[in-house]
Amino acid sequence: MNLRFTYVPYPLVGRPREALRRYVEGNDPVTGRPLMQAIVDALTQPLTEEERNPSPARGAPRPRLLKPDTEESLRRLFLENGWTDGAPIVLPTEERVEHMLKGTAAAPNEVVGRMTVTVHEEKLEYTVEKVAVNAVMAGAGPAHLPVILALAAGGEPSMPSSTTSFARMAVVNGPIVKR
């Protein structure tokens, strides 16, 4: 089944009513079109030929490292490229990622898994280093990396496509809990 998506700006939780109203009355942050018109069109317009016969999309390759800049400029770059949801992040400098990688004996270029959020995108692989980058951004430490790598190896996206509500939970048990 082919689905059309519209996106509201976020975060939603804890936002005042006025901000949420501006989201609804504003534009889709991905397409730039008025949000409510995009929703009406998605529900009423026939599927285009491309929508009836989708091919997996592949985004432009991303550089391994970003050029040095101020933390504020880099945070803005992450937001503009959709690399963060707007929550605070720890910028993954090369030094911070190297420190995180001390939490595993695995090679940085070792492939951990492949995943996609939707069936319309090509499955992309991610490495130990990419998982370490995300761990740094989340504020984890090297001691957390073995558990994070185990979760990442499951291939389950944290925000899968869905037409219903869902929740994710990981239960960690055993000696690693004490380490």
Protein backbone atom coordinates (compact mmCIF):
# COMPACT_ATOMS: atom_id res chain seq x y z
CA MET A 1 0.00 0.00 0.00
CA ASN A 2 1.41 3.38 -0.98
CA LEU A 3 1.15 6.09 1.65
CA ARG A 4 1.59 9.81 1.36
CA PHE A 5 3.26 11.60 4.22
CA THR A 6 2.97 15.11 5.54
CA TYR A 7 5.08 16.30 8.42
CA VAL A 8 4.46 18.76 11.19
CA PRO A 9 7.35 20.56 12.83
CA TYR A 10 8.43 19.13 16.16
CA PRO A 11 8.93 18.68 19.03
CA LEU A 12 5.26 18.45 20.00
CA VAL A 13 5.56 17.44 23.64
CA GLY A 14 5.53 20.33 26.06
CA ARG A 15 4.87 22.95 23.37
CA PRO A 16 2.30 25.65 24.18
CA ARG A 17 -1.06 25.53 22.40
CA GLU A 18 -0.15 28.62 20.33
CA ALA A 19 2.97 26.92 18.98
CA LEU A 20 0.99 23.80 18.04
CA ARG A 21 -1.59 25.96 16.26
CA ARG A 22 1.20 27.67 14.29
CA TYR A 23 2.41 24.19 13.27
CA VAL A 24 -1.03 23.28 11.90
CA GLU A 25 -1.56 26.65 10.21
CA GLY A 26 2.02 26.76 8.89
CA ASN A 27 3.96 24.86 6.29
CA ASP A 28 5.15 21.25 6.07
CA PRO A 29 8.86 21.57 7.04
CA VAL A 30 9.88 19.02 4.39
CA THR A 31 7.95 20.28 1.35
CA GLY A 32 7.36 23.90 2.37
CA ARG A 33 3.71 23.60 1.29
CA PRO A 34 0.85 24.70 3.58
CA LEU A 35 0.34 21.76 5.93
CA MET A 36 -3.45 21.54 5.88
CA GLN A 37 -3.59 21.75 2.07
CA ALA A 38 -0.95 19.01 1.86
CA ILE A 39 -3.10 16.80 4.11
CA VAL A 40 -6.24 17.46 2.04
CA ASP A 41 -4.36 16.77 -1.21
CA ALA A 42 -2.84 13.58 0.21
CA LEU A 43 -6.31 12.31 1.05
CA THR A 44 -8.13 13.39 -2.11
CA GLN A 45 -5.76 13.46 -5.11
CA PRO A 46 -5.23 10.30 -7.20
CA LEU A 47 -1.81 8.66 -6.96
CA THR A 48 0.72 9.83 -9.52
CA GLU A 49 2.49 7.34 -11.80
CA GLU A 50 5.61 7.61 -9.61
CA GLU A 51 3.55 6.93 -6.47
CA ARG A 52 1.96 3.87 -8.10
CA ASN A 53 5.40 2.51 -9.08
CA PRO A 54 7.90 3.72 -6.46
CA SER A 55 11.60 2.99 -6.68
CA PRO A 56 13.81 2.95 -3.59
CA ALA A 57 15.22 6.41 -2.93
CA ARG A 58 18.82 7.01 -1.99
CA GLY A 59 19.91 10.31 -0.54
CA ALA A 60 23.06 12.13 -1.48
CA PRO A 61 26.18 10.69 0.17
CA ARG A 62 27.11 12.42 3.38
CA PRO A 63 30.67 13.30 4.28
CA ARG A 64 32.34 11.25 7.01
CA LEU A 65 33.43 14.42 8.81
CA LEU A 66 32.17 17.98 8.78
CA LYS A 67 34.48 20.97 8.49
CA PRO A 68 35.37 22.60 11.82
CA ASP A 69 32.99 25.37 12.81
CA THR A 70 31.38 26.90 15.88
CA GLU A 71 29.12 24.65 17.94
CA GLU A 72 26.17 26.94 17.23
CA SER A 73 26.70 26.77 13.44
CA LEU A 74 27.07 23.00 13.58
CA ARG A 75 23.88 22.62 15.65
CA ARG A 76 22.06 24.73 13.06
CA LEU A 77 23.53 22.56 10.27
CA PHE A 78 22.26 19.41 12.04
CA LEU A 79 18.78 20.93 12.33
CA GLU A 80 18.69 22.16 8.72
CA ASN A 81 19.68 18.72 7.42
CA GLY A 82 17.29 16.79 9.64
CA TRP A 83 20.14 15.04 11.45
CA THR A 84 18.54 15.81 14.82
CA ASP A 85 15.01 16.27 16.11
CA GLY A 86 15.82 19.54 17.83
CA ALA A 87 16.60 18.00 21.20
CA PRO A 88 19.99 18.95 22.63
CA ILE A 89 22.89 16.98 21.15
CA VAL A 90 26.54 16.52 21.95
CA LEU A 91 28.38 17.32 18.74
CA PRO A 92 30.25 14.23 17.53
CA THR A 93 33.75 15.60 17.10
CA GLU A 94 36.41 13.20 15.88
CA GLU A 95 37.96 13.20 19.36
CA ARG A 96 34.64 12.39 21.05
CA VAL A 97 33.90 9.57 18.61
CA GLU A 98 37.40 8.12 19.10
CA HIS A 99 36.82 8.20 22.86
CA MET A 100 33.45 6.45 22.42
CA LEU A 101 35.06 3.72 20.29
CA LYS A 102 37.20 2.76 23.33
CA GLY A 103 34.03 1.02 24.55
CA THR A 104 34.40 -1.77 21.97
CA ALA A 105 37.06 -3.94 20.38
CA ALA A 106 35.13 -3.93 17.08
CA ALA A 107 36.69 -2.15 14.11
CA PRO A 108 35.14 1.26 13.36
CA ASN A 109 34.34 0.24 9.77
CA GLU A 110 32.69 -3.06 10.76
CA VAL A 111 29.11 -3.16 9.46
CA VAL A 112 26.62 -3.44 12.33
CA GLY A 113 23.48 -3.70 10.22
CA ARG A 114 21.28 -2.39 7.44
CA MET A 115 17.93 -0.73 7.77
CA THR A 116 15.42 1.64 6.31
CA VAL A 117 12.45 3.37 7.86
CA THR A 118 10.12 2.74 4.89
CA VAL A 119 9.85 0.18 2.12
CA HIS A 120 10.37 2.99 -0.39
CA GLU A 121 13.97 3.58 0.60
CA GLU A 122 17.03 1.48 -0.05
CA LYS A 123 18.39 -0.25 3.04
CA LEU A 124 21.53 1.57 4.08
CA GLU A 125 24.31 0.01 6.10
CA TYR A 126 25.73 1.50 9.23
CA THR A 127 29.05 0.82 10.88
CA VAL A 128 30.38 0.72 14.43
CA GLU A 129 31.68 4.26 13.88
CA LYS A 130 28.23 5.52 12.78
CA VAL A 131 26.67 3.96 15.87
CA ALA A 132 29.40 5.58 18.00
CA VAL A 133 28.62 8.95 16.40
CA ASN A 134 24.96 8.59 17.38
CA ALA A 135 25.92 7.44 20.87
CA VAL A 136 28.06 10.56 21.32
CA MET A 137 25.21 12.77 20.10
CA ALA A 138 22.89 11.15 22.66
CA GLY A 139 25.33 11.82 25.50
CA ALA A 140 26.31 8.18 26.11
CA GLY A 141 29.75 7.09 27.29
CA PRO A 142 32.08 4.31 26.10
CA ALA A 143 30.73 1.94 28.78
CA HIS A 144 27.30 2.18 27.12
CA LEU A 145 28.55 1.33 23.62
CA PRO A 146 28.32 -2.49 23.87
CA VAL A 147 24.60 -2.28 24.69
CA ILE A 148 24.00 0.38 22.04
CA LEU A 149 25.78 -1.77 19.42
CA ALA A 150 23.65 -4.78 20.42
CA LEU A 151 20.49 -2.71 19.99
CA ALA A 152 21.73 -1.33 16.67
CA ALA A 153 22.46 -4.84 15.38
CA GLY A 154 18.73 -5.58 15.69
CA GLY A 155 18.05 -3.46 12.60
CA GLU A 156 14.94 -1.88 14.09
CA PRO A 157 14.56 1.85 13.43
CA SER A 158 13.66 3.93 16.45
CA MET A 159 10.91 5.68 14.51
CA PRO A 160 9.48 3.19 11.99
CA SER A 161 6.74 4.16 9.58
CA SER A 162 3.36 3.41 11.04
CA THR A 163 -0.28 4.31 10.71
CA THR A 164 -0.85 3.58 14.38
CA SER A 165 0.77 4.45 17.67
CA PHE A 166 3.59 2.34 19.02
CA ALA A 167 6.32 2.35 21.61
CA ARG A 168 9.80 0.86 21.89
CA MET A 169 11.42 -0.50 24.99
CA ALA A 170 14.69 -2.30 25.60
CA VAL A 171 15.26 -4.41 28.68
CA VAL A 172 18.92 -4.81 29.58
CA ASN A 173 19.88 -7.50 32.07
CA GLY A 174 22.92 -9.46 33.16
CA PRO A 175 26.47 -8.50 34.10
CA ILE A 176 26.58 -5.58 31.64
CA VAL A 177 24.06 -3.79 33.85
CA LYS A 178 26.67 -3.55 36.62
CA ARG A 179 29.40 -2.45 34.18
